[in-house]
Amino acid sequence: MPKTVVGLFEKPDLVDGVVREIEALGFPRIEVHTLTEPATFEVTGVMSFPRIEFEVEVGRALARIGATNAESQVYLDGLGRGGALVFATGSDEQVDAAAKIMNQHGAVGIEENIGSEPQMPGIVRENITPIRDRPVQAGRIQVSGSGAVFFVW
């Protein structure tokens, strides 16, 4: 069963160093991905809504690995504020090591340890529906006190 760790970084200039360290663990480049919001969105037609299309595509990708709608929204908000996401997929040992690297470089925690509503400093979450289940649920593992989140899919 594939396991993916996702880290949200408020400072995208950190991401290149994080990716280099993760690849040094033996991750194939195809299993390490980064994502930032495009500076501009190309309009492809009269009914084109490129920003919305980007958000829907990212939301679908996050849902495929087990992220909740609320988590996806926090990630999208982080991207919209100029942040970056790093994804690494591999074995349990590899993703554990990748998460450690992400956390050492300041991956932003999106959940408080005492609750399960996603948190990110400076993000207003007025329209996010709170999660009403345990912080650890099928498909997602939040490690207490860390920023990186594991998704098993």
N, C-alpha and C. Protein backbone atom coordinates (compact mmCIF):
# COMPACT_ATOMS: atom_id res chain seq x y z
N MET A 1 0.85 -1.17 0.00
CA MET A 1 0.00 0.00 0.00
C MET A 1 0.90 1.24 0.00
N PRO A 2 0.79 2.11 -1.00
CA PRO A 2 1.65 3.30 -1.05
C PRO A 2 1.38 4.23 0.13
N LYS A 3 2.42 4.91 0.55
CA LYS A 3 2.32 5.87 1.63
C LYS A 3 2.96 7.17 1.14
N THR A 4 2.25 8.27 1.35
CA THR A 4 2.74 9.57 0.91
C THR A 4 2.80 10.50 2.10
N VAL A 5 3.86 11.27 2.20
CA VAL A 5 3.97 12.31 3.21
C VAL A 5 3.88 13.65 2.48
N VAL A 6 3.11 14.57 3.06
CA VAL A 6 2.91 15.89 2.48
C VAL A 6 3.36 16.94 3.48
N GLY A 7 4.15 17.87 3.02
CA GLY A 7 4.59 18.99 3.85
C GLY A 7 4.23 20.30 3.19
N LEU A 8 3.66 21.21 3.96
CA LEU A 8 3.33 22.56 3.49
C LEU A 8 4.39 23.51 4.03
N PHE A 9 4.98 24.28 3.14
CA PHE A 9 6.02 25.22 3.52
C PHE A 9 5.58 26.64 3.19
N GLU A 10 5.65 27.53 4.18
CA GLU A 10 5.28 28.93 3.95
C GLU A 10 6.34 29.64 3.11
N LYS A 11 7.57 29.14 3.14
CA LYS A 11 8.67 29.74 2.40
C LYS A 11 9.10 28.79 1.29
N PRO A 12 8.65 29.03 0.05
CA PRO A 12 8.97 28.10 -1.04
C PRO A 12 10.46 28.00 -1.36
N ASP A 13 11.26 28.99 -0.93
CA ASP A 13 12.69 28.91 -1.21
C ASP A 13 13.36 27.78 -0.43
N LEU A 14 12.69 27.22 0.57
CA LEU A 14 13.22 26.08 1.32
C LEU A 14 13.05 24.75 0.59
N VAL A 15 12.11 24.72 -0.34
CA VAL A 15 11.67 23.47 -0.96
C VAL A 15 12.78 22.76 -1.74
N ASP A 16 13.59 23.49 -2.47
CA ASP A 16 14.65 22.84 -3.25
C ASP A 16 15.61 22.05 -2.36
N GLY A 17 16.00 22.63 -1.23
CA GLY A 17 16.87 21.94 -0.29
C GLY A 17 16.21 20.71 0.32
N VAL A 18 14.92 20.84 0.63
CA VAL A 18 14.16 19.72 1.18
C VAL A 18 14.12 18.57 0.17
N VAL A 19 13.83 18.90 -1.09
CA VAL A 19 13.75 17.87 -2.14
C VAL A 19 15.10 17.20 -2.33
N ARG A 20 16.19 17.96 -2.34
CA ARG A 20 17.52 17.36 -2.48
C ARG A 20 17.81 16.37 -1.36
N GLU A 21 17.47 16.76 -0.12
CA GLU A 21 17.70 15.86 1.01
C GLU A 21 16.84 14.60 0.92
N ILE A 22 15.60 14.77 0.48
CA ILE A 22 14.71 13.61 0.35
C ILE A 22 15.22 12.68 -0.75
N GLU A 23 15.64 13.24 -1.87
CA GLU A 23 16.17 12.41 -2.96
C GLU A 23 17.45 11.69 -2.52
N ALA A 24 18.22 12.31 -1.64
CA ALA A 24 19.45 11.67 -1.14
C ALA A 24 19.14 10.43 -0.30
N LEU A 25 17.89 10.31 0.16
CA LEU A 25 17.48 9.11 0.90
C LEU A 25 17.28 7.90 -0.02
N GLY A 26 17.29 8.16 -1.33
CA GLY A 26 17.08 7.07 -2.29
C GLY A 26 15.72 7.12 -2.97
N PHE A 27 14.95 8.16 -2.73
CA PHE A 27 13.67 8.32 -3.43
C PHE A 27 13.94 8.56 -4.91
N PRO A 28 13.24 7.84 -5.79
CA PRO A 28 13.33 8.18 -7.21
C PRO A 28 12.70 9.55 -7.43
N ARG A 29 13.24 10.34 -8.33
CA ARG A 29 12.73 11.70 -8.59
C ARG A 29 11.24 11.67 -8.94
N ILE A 30 10.78 10.61 -9.57
CA ILE A 30 9.38 10.52 -9.96
C ILE A 30 8.45 10.40 -8.75
N GLU A 31 8.99 10.06 -7.58
CA GLU A 31 8.18 9.90 -6.36
C GLU A 31 8.23 11.12 -5.44
N VAL A 32 8.94 12.17 -5.86
CA VAL A 32 9.01 13.40 -5.08
C VAL A 32 8.48 14.53 -5.95
N HIS A 33 7.46 15.22 -5.44
CA HIS A 33 6.82 16.28 -6.22
C HIS A 33 6.72 17.54 -5.38
N THR A 34 6.77 18.67 -6.07
CA THR A 34 6.54 19.95 -5.42
C THR A 34 5.41 20.65 -6.16
N LEU A 35 4.74 21.54 -5.45
CA LEU A 35 3.64 22.27 -6.05
C LEU A 35 3.56 23.66 -5.46
N THR A 36 3.50 24.65 -6.34
CA THR A 36 3.23 26.02 -5.95
C THR A 36 2.11 26.52 -6.84
N GLU A 37 1.45 27.56 -6.39
CA GLU A 37 0.39 28.12 -7.21
C GLU A 37 1.03 28.92 -8.35
N PRO A 38 0.54 28.77 -9.56
CA PRO A 38 1.11 29.53 -10.68
C PRO A 38 0.98 31.04 -10.42
N ALA A 39 1.97 31.79 -10.91
CA ALA A 39 1.93 33.25 -10.77
C ALA A 39 0.78 33.85 -11.58
N THR A 40 0.52 33.25 -12.73
CA THR A 40 -0.61 33.67 -13.56
C THR A 40 -1.34 32.43 -14.02
N PHE A 41 -2.60 32.62 -14.33
CA PHE A 41 -3.43 31.51 -14.80
C PHE A 41 -3.84 31.82 -16.23
N GLU A 42 -3.51 30.89 -17.13
CA GLU A 42 -3.83 31.07 -18.54
C GLU A 42 -5.31 30.78 -18.79
N VAL A 43 -5.97 31.73 -19.43
CA VAL A 43 -7.37 31.55 -19.79
C VAL A 43 -7.40 30.83 -21.12
N THR A 44 -8.13 29.70 -21.18
CA THR A 44 -8.14 28.88 -22.39
C THR A 44 -9.42 28.99 -23.19
N GLY A 45 -10.38 29.74 -22.71
CA GLY A 45 -11.64 29.88 -23.43
C GLY A 45 -12.59 30.79 -22.70
N VAL A 46 -13.73 31.03 -23.31
CA VAL A 46 -14.73 31.94 -22.74
C VAL A 46 -15.19 31.44 -21.38
N MET A 47 -15.39 30.16 -21.23
CA MET A 47 -15.88 29.59 -19.97
C MET A 47 -14.75 29.02 -19.11
N SER A 48 -13.55 29.54 -19.29
CA SER A 48 -12.40 29.06 -18.54
C SER A 48 -12.27 29.82 -17.22
N PHE A 49 -12.12 29.09 -16.15
CA PHE A 49 -11.88 29.64 -14.83
C PHE A 49 -10.61 28.98 -14.29
N PRO A 50 -9.45 29.42 -14.77
CA PRO A 50 -8.21 28.71 -14.50
C PRO A 50 -7.86 28.55 -13.03
N ARG A 51 -8.11 29.55 -12.21
CA ARG A 51 -7.78 29.42 -10.79
C ARG A 51 -8.65 28.33 -10.15
N ILE A 52 -9.92 28.34 -10.47
CA ILE A 52 -10.83 27.32 -9.93
C ILE A 52 -10.43 25.95 -10.45
N GLU A 53 -10.08 25.85 -11.73
CA GLU A 53 -9.65 24.57 -12.30
C GLU A 53 -8.39 24.05 -11.59
N PHE A 54 -7.45 24.95 -11.29
CA PHE A 54 -6.25 24.58 -10.55
C PHE A 54 -6.62 24.03 -9.18
N GLU A 55 -7.49 24.75 -8.47
CA GLU A 55 -7.88 24.33 -7.12
C GLU A 55 -8.61 22.99 -7.14
N VAL A 56 -9.47 22.78 -8.13
CA VAL A 56 -10.19 21.51 -8.24
C VAL A 56 -9.21 20.37 -8.51
N GLU A 57 -8.27 20.60 -9.40
CA GLU A 57 -7.28 19.56 -9.73
C GLU A 57 -6.42 19.21 -8.52
N VAL A 58 -5.97 20.22 -7.78
CA VAL A 58 -5.18 19.96 -6.58
C VAL A 58 -6.02 19.24 -5.53
N GLY A 59 -7.26 19.68 -5.36
CA GLY A 59 -8.16 19.03 -4.40
C GLY A 59 -8.39 17.57 -4.73
N ARG A 60 -8.57 17.27 -6.00
CA ARG A 60 -8.75 15.86 -6.42
C ARG A 60 -7.50 15.04 -6.13
N ALA A 61 -6.33 15.61 -6.42
CA ALA A 61 -5.08 14.88 -6.17
C ALA A 61 -4.91 14.61 -4.67
N LEU A 62 -5.24 15.58 -3.85
CA LEU A 62 -5.14 15.39 -2.41
C LEU A 62 -6.17 14.37 -1.91
N ALA A 63 -7.37 14.41 -2.46
CA ALA A 63 -8.41 13.45 -2.07
C ALA A 63 -7.99 12.03 -2.42
N ARG A 64 -7.31 11.86 -3.56
CA ARG A 64 -6.87 10.51 -3.97
C ARG A 64 -5.91 9.89 -2.96
N ILE A 65 -5.15 10.71 -2.26
CA ILE A 65 -4.22 10.15 -1.29
C ILE A 65 -4.80 10.13 0.12
N GLY A 66 -6.04 10.64 0.29
CA GLY A 66 -6.71 10.53 1.58
C GLY A 66 -6.92 11.81 2.35
N ALA A 67 -6.58 12.95 1.78
CA ALA A 67 -6.80 14.22 2.48
C ALA A 67 -8.29 14.53 2.56
N THR A 68 -8.70 15.09 3.67
CA THR A 68 -10.10 15.51 3.82
C THR A 68 -10.30 16.82 3.06
N ASN A 69 -11.54 17.21 2.86
CA ASN A 69 -11.84 18.48 2.20
C ASN A 69 -11.25 19.65 2.98
N ALA A 70 -11.36 19.60 4.30
CA ALA A 70 -10.83 20.67 5.13
C ALA A 70 -9.30 20.76 5.01
N GLU A 71 -8.63 19.61 5.02
CA GLU A 71 -7.17 19.61 4.85
C GLU A 71 -6.79 20.16 3.48
N SER A 72 -7.50 19.72 2.46
CA SER A 72 -7.22 20.21 1.11
C SER A 72 -7.38 21.72 1.04
N GLN A 73 -8.39 22.26 1.71
CA GLN A 73 -8.61 23.70 1.69
C GLN A 73 -7.47 24.44 2.38
N VAL A 74 -6.97 23.89 3.48
CA VAL A 74 -5.84 24.52 4.17
C VAL A 74 -4.60 24.50 3.27
N TYR A 75 -4.38 23.37 2.58
CA TYR A 75 -3.25 23.31 1.64
C TYR A 75 -3.42 24.33 0.52
N LEU A 76 -4.62 24.43 -0.03
CA LEU A 76 -4.88 25.41 -1.10
C LEU A 76 -4.70 26.83 -0.59
N ASP A 77 -5.16 27.11 0.62
CA ASP A 77 -4.97 28.44 1.21
C ASP A 77 -3.48 28.74 1.36
N GLY A 78 -2.72 27.73 1.81
CA GLY A 78 -1.27 27.91 1.95
C GLY A 78 -0.60 28.19 0.61
N LEU A 79 -1.03 27.49 -0.43
CA LEU A 79 -0.50 27.75 -1.78
C LEU A 79 -0.87 29.17 -2.22
N GLY A 80 -2.11 29.57 -1.95
CA GLY A 80 -2.57 30.90 -2.34
C GLY A 80 -1.83 32.02 -1.64
N ARG A 81 -1.28 31.74 -0.47
CA ARG A 81 -0.50 32.73 0.29
C ARG A 81 0.98 32.70 -0.10
N GLY A 82 1.30 31.94 -1.16
CA GLY A 82 2.69 31.89 -1.63
C GLY A 82 3.49 30.71 -1.13
N GLY A 83 2.83 29.77 -0.47
CA GLY A 83 3.52 28.60 0.05
C GLY A 83 3.76 27.54 -1.01
N ALA A 84 4.32 26.43 -0.58
CA ALA A 84 4.62 25.32 -1.49
C ALA A 84 4.35 24.00 -0.77
N LEU A 85 3.95 22.99 -1.54
CA LEU A 85 3.75 21.65 -1.02
C LEU A 85 4.86 20.75 -1.53
N VAL A 86 5.28 19.81 -0.69
CA VAL A 86 6.21 18.77 -1.09
C VAL A 86 5.54 17.44 -0.80
N PHE A 87 5.52 16.55 -1.79
CA PHE A 87 4.95 15.21 -1.67
C PHE A 87 6.09 14.21 -1.86
N ALA A 88 6.12 13.17 -1.04
CA ALA A 88 7.09 12.09 -1.22
C ALA A 88 6.36 10.77 -0.98
N THR A 89 6.43 9.86 -1.96
CA THR A 89 5.75 8.57 -1.88
C THR A 89 6.79 7.47 -1.87
N GLY A 90 6.63 6.53 -0.93
CA GLY A 90 7.58 5.43 -0.85
C GLY A 90 7.21 4.45 0.25
N SER A 91 8.22 3.73 0.70
CA SER A 91 8.04 2.74 1.77
C SER A 91 7.84 3.47 3.10
N ASP A 92 7.39 2.72 4.10
CA ASP A 92 7.19 3.30 5.43
C ASP A 92 8.47 3.99 5.93
N GLU A 93 9.59 3.30 5.81
CA GLU A 93 10.86 3.84 6.29
C GLU A 93 11.23 5.11 5.53
N GLN A 94 11.06 5.09 4.21
CA GLN A 94 11.41 6.25 3.41
C GLN A 94 10.55 7.46 3.77
N VAL A 95 9.23 7.27 3.85
CA VAL A 95 8.38 8.43 4.13
C VAL A 95 8.57 8.93 5.56
N ASP A 96 8.89 8.04 6.49
CA ASP A 96 9.19 8.48 7.85
C ASP A 96 10.42 9.40 7.83
N ALA A 97 11.45 8.99 7.10
CA ALA A 97 12.66 9.79 6.99
C ALA A 97 12.39 11.11 6.25
N ALA A 98 11.56 11.06 5.20
CA ALA A 98 11.22 12.27 4.46
C ALA A 98 10.44 13.24 5.35
N ALA A 99 9.53 12.72 6.16
CA ALA A 99 8.76 13.56 7.09
C ALA A 99 9.68 14.25 8.09
N LYS A 100 10.66 13.51 8.55
CA LYS A 100 11.63 14.08 9.50
C LYS A 100 12.36 15.26 8.85
N ILE A 101 12.77 15.09 7.61
CA ILE A 101 13.45 16.17 6.89
C ILE A 101 12.51 17.36 6.71
N MET A 102 11.26 17.09 6.30
CA MET A 102 10.30 18.17 6.12
C MET A 102 10.10 18.95 7.42
N ASN A 103 9.94 18.23 8.51
CA ASN A 103 9.72 18.88 9.80
C ASN A 103 10.93 19.67 10.26
N GLN A 104 12.13 19.16 9.98
CA GLN A 104 13.35 19.88 10.34
C GLN A 104 13.46 21.20 9.59
N HIS A 105 12.87 21.25 8.40
CA HIS A 105 12.93 22.46 7.58
C HIS A 105 11.68 23.33 7.71
N GLY A 106 10.83 23.02 8.67
CA GLY A 106 9.72 23.92 8.98
C GLY A 106 8.40 23.65 8.29
N ALA A 107 8.10 22.39 7.98
CA ALA A 107 6.78 22.09 7.43
C ALA A 107 5.73 22.58 8.41
N VAL A 108 4.71 23.24 7.90
CA VAL A 108 3.67 23.84 8.72
C VAL A 108 2.69 22.78 9.18
N GLY A 109 2.40 22.76 10.48
CA GLY A 109 1.39 21.86 11.01
C GLY A 109 0.00 22.37 10.63
N ILE A 110 -0.86 21.48 10.14
CA ILE A 110 -2.20 21.92 9.76
C ILE A 110 -3.25 21.44 10.75
N GLU A 111 -2.82 20.81 11.82
CA GLU A 111 -3.76 20.37 12.84
C GLU A 111 -3.21 20.67 14.22
N GLU A 112 -4.08 21.06 15.13
CA GLU A 112 -3.69 21.20 16.52
C GLU A 112 -3.72 19.82 17.15
N ASN A 113 -2.87 19.58 18.11
CA ASN A 113 -2.83 18.28 18.78
C ASN A 113 -4.10 18.02 19.57
N ILE A 114 -4.77 19.07 20.05
CA ILE A 114 -5.93 18.87 20.91
C ILE A 114 -7.22 18.73 20.12
N GLY A 115 -7.22 19.01 18.85
CA GLY A 115 -8.43 18.92 18.06
C GLY A 115 -8.11 18.46 16.67
N SER A 116 -9.13 18.41 15.83
CA SER A 116 -8.88 17.93 14.49
C SER A 116 -9.25 18.94 13.42
N GLU A 117 -9.53 20.19 13.79
CA GLU A 117 -9.78 21.21 12.77
C GLU A 117 -8.44 21.67 12.23
N PRO A 118 -8.24 21.64 10.92
CA PRO A 118 -6.96 22.06 10.35
C PRO A 118 -6.61 23.48 10.75
N GLN A 119 -5.34 23.71 11.06
CA GLN A 119 -4.85 25.01 11.49
C GLN A 119 -3.66 25.41 10.65
N MET A 120 -3.57 26.67 10.31
CA MET A 120 -2.38 27.23 9.70
C MET A 120 -2.33 28.68 10.10
N PRO A 121 -1.22 29.14 10.66
CA PRO A 121 -1.14 30.53 11.12
C PRO A 121 -1.49 31.50 10.00
N GLY A 122 -2.31 32.49 10.32
CA GLY A 122 -2.64 33.54 9.37
C GLY A 122 -3.73 33.20 8.37
N ILE A 123 -4.30 32.02 8.42
CA ILE A 123 -5.33 31.62 7.46
C ILE A 123 -6.70 31.74 8.14
N VAL A 124 -7.60 32.45 7.53
CA VAL A 124 -8.96 32.54 8.04
C VAL A 124 -9.76 31.40 7.44
N ARG A 125 -10.41 30.62 8.29
CA ARG A 125 -11.12 29.43 7.83
C ARG A 125 -12.61 29.54 8.09
N GLU A 126 -13.22 30.66 7.73
CA GLU A 126 -14.64 30.87 8.00
C GLU A 126 -15.53 29.86 7.30
N ASN A 127 -15.19 29.43 6.11
CA ASN A 127 -16.06 28.57 5.32
C ASN A 127 -15.67 27.10 5.34
N ILE A 128 -14.78 26.71 6.26
CA ILE A 128 -14.36 25.32 6.33
C ILE A 128 -15.22 24.60 7.36
N THR A 129 -15.78 23.49 6.96
CA THR A 129 -16.57 22.66 7.87
C THR A 129 -15.63 21.91 8.78
N PRO A 130 -15.82 22.01 10.10
CA PRO A 130 -14.93 21.29 11.01
C PRO A 130 -15.03 19.78 10.82
N ILE A 131 -13.91 19.10 11.04
CA ILE A 131 -13.89 17.65 10.99
C ILE A 131 -14.42 17.17 12.33
N ARG A 132 -15.31 16.22 12.31
CA ARG A 132 -15.94 15.78 13.55
C ARG A 132 -15.55 14.35 13.92
N ASP A 133 -14.31 13.99 13.64
CA ASP A 133 -13.85 12.65 13.98
C ASP A 133 -12.50 12.73 14.66
N ARG A 134 -11.87 11.61 14.86
CA ARG A 134 -10.57 11.56 15.53
C ARG A 134 -9.48 12.17 14.65
N PRO A 135 -8.39 12.71 15.28
CA PRO A 135 -7.28 13.23 14.49
C PRO A 135 -6.61 12.16 13.63
N VAL A 136 -6.67 10.90 14.05
CA VAL A 136 -6.12 9.81 13.25
C VAL A 136 -7.28 9.02 12.69
N GLN A 137 -7.38 8.96 11.38
CA GLN A 137 -8.48 8.24 10.75
C GLN A 137 -7.94 7.44 9.59
N ALA A 138 -8.75 6.58 9.06
CA ALA A 138 -8.33 5.76 7.92
C ALA A 138 -7.85 6.66 6.80
N GLY A 139 -6.69 6.37 6.28
CA GLY A 139 -6.17 7.11 5.14
C GLY A 139 -5.23 8.24 5.52
N ARG A 140 -5.24 8.68 6.79
CA ARG A 140 -4.45 9.85 7.16
C ARG A 140 -3.86 9.63 8.54
N ILE A 141 -2.60 10.00 8.70
CA ILE A 141 -1.95 9.87 10.00
C ILE A 141 -1.23 11.18 10.28
N GLN A 142 -1.67 11.91 11.30
CA GLN A 142 -0.98 13.12 11.73
C GLN A 142 -0.12 12.76 12.92
N VAL A 143 1.15 13.00 12.81
CA VAL A 143 2.07 12.70 13.90
C VAL A 143 2.05 13.89 14.86
N SER A 144 1.80 13.64 16.12
CA SER A 144 1.71 14.68 17.12
C SER A 144 2.96 15.55 17.10
N GLY A 145 2.75 16.86 17.05
CA GLY A 145 3.86 17.80 17.12
C GLY A 145 4.64 17.98 15.83
N SER A 146 4.12 17.49 14.71
CA SER A 146 4.85 17.62 13.46
C SER A 146 4.03 18.37 12.43
N GLY A 147 4.68 18.81 11.36
CA GLY A 147 3.98 19.50 10.29
C GLY A 147 3.61 18.60 9.15
N ALA A 148 4.45 17.62 8.85
CA ALA A 148 4.18 16.72 7.74
C ALA A 148 3.05 15.76 8.10
N VAL A 149 2.24 15.40 7.11
CA VAL A 149 1.10 14.50 7.31
C VAL A 149 1.29 13.30 6.41
N PHE A 150 1.05 12.10 6.95
CA PHE A 150 1.14 10.86 6.18
C PHE A 150 -0.22 10.49 5.61
N PHE A 151 -0.26 10.03 4.39
CA PHE A 151 -1.47 9.52 3.77
C PHE A 151 -1.18 8.14 3.23
N VAL A 152 -1.99 7.17 3.62
CA VAL A 152 -1.83 5.79 3.14
C VAL A 152 -2.98 5.52 2.20
N TRP A 153 -2.67 5.12 0.96
CA TRP A 153 -3.72 4.92 -0.04
C TRP A 153 -3.46 3.70 -0.85
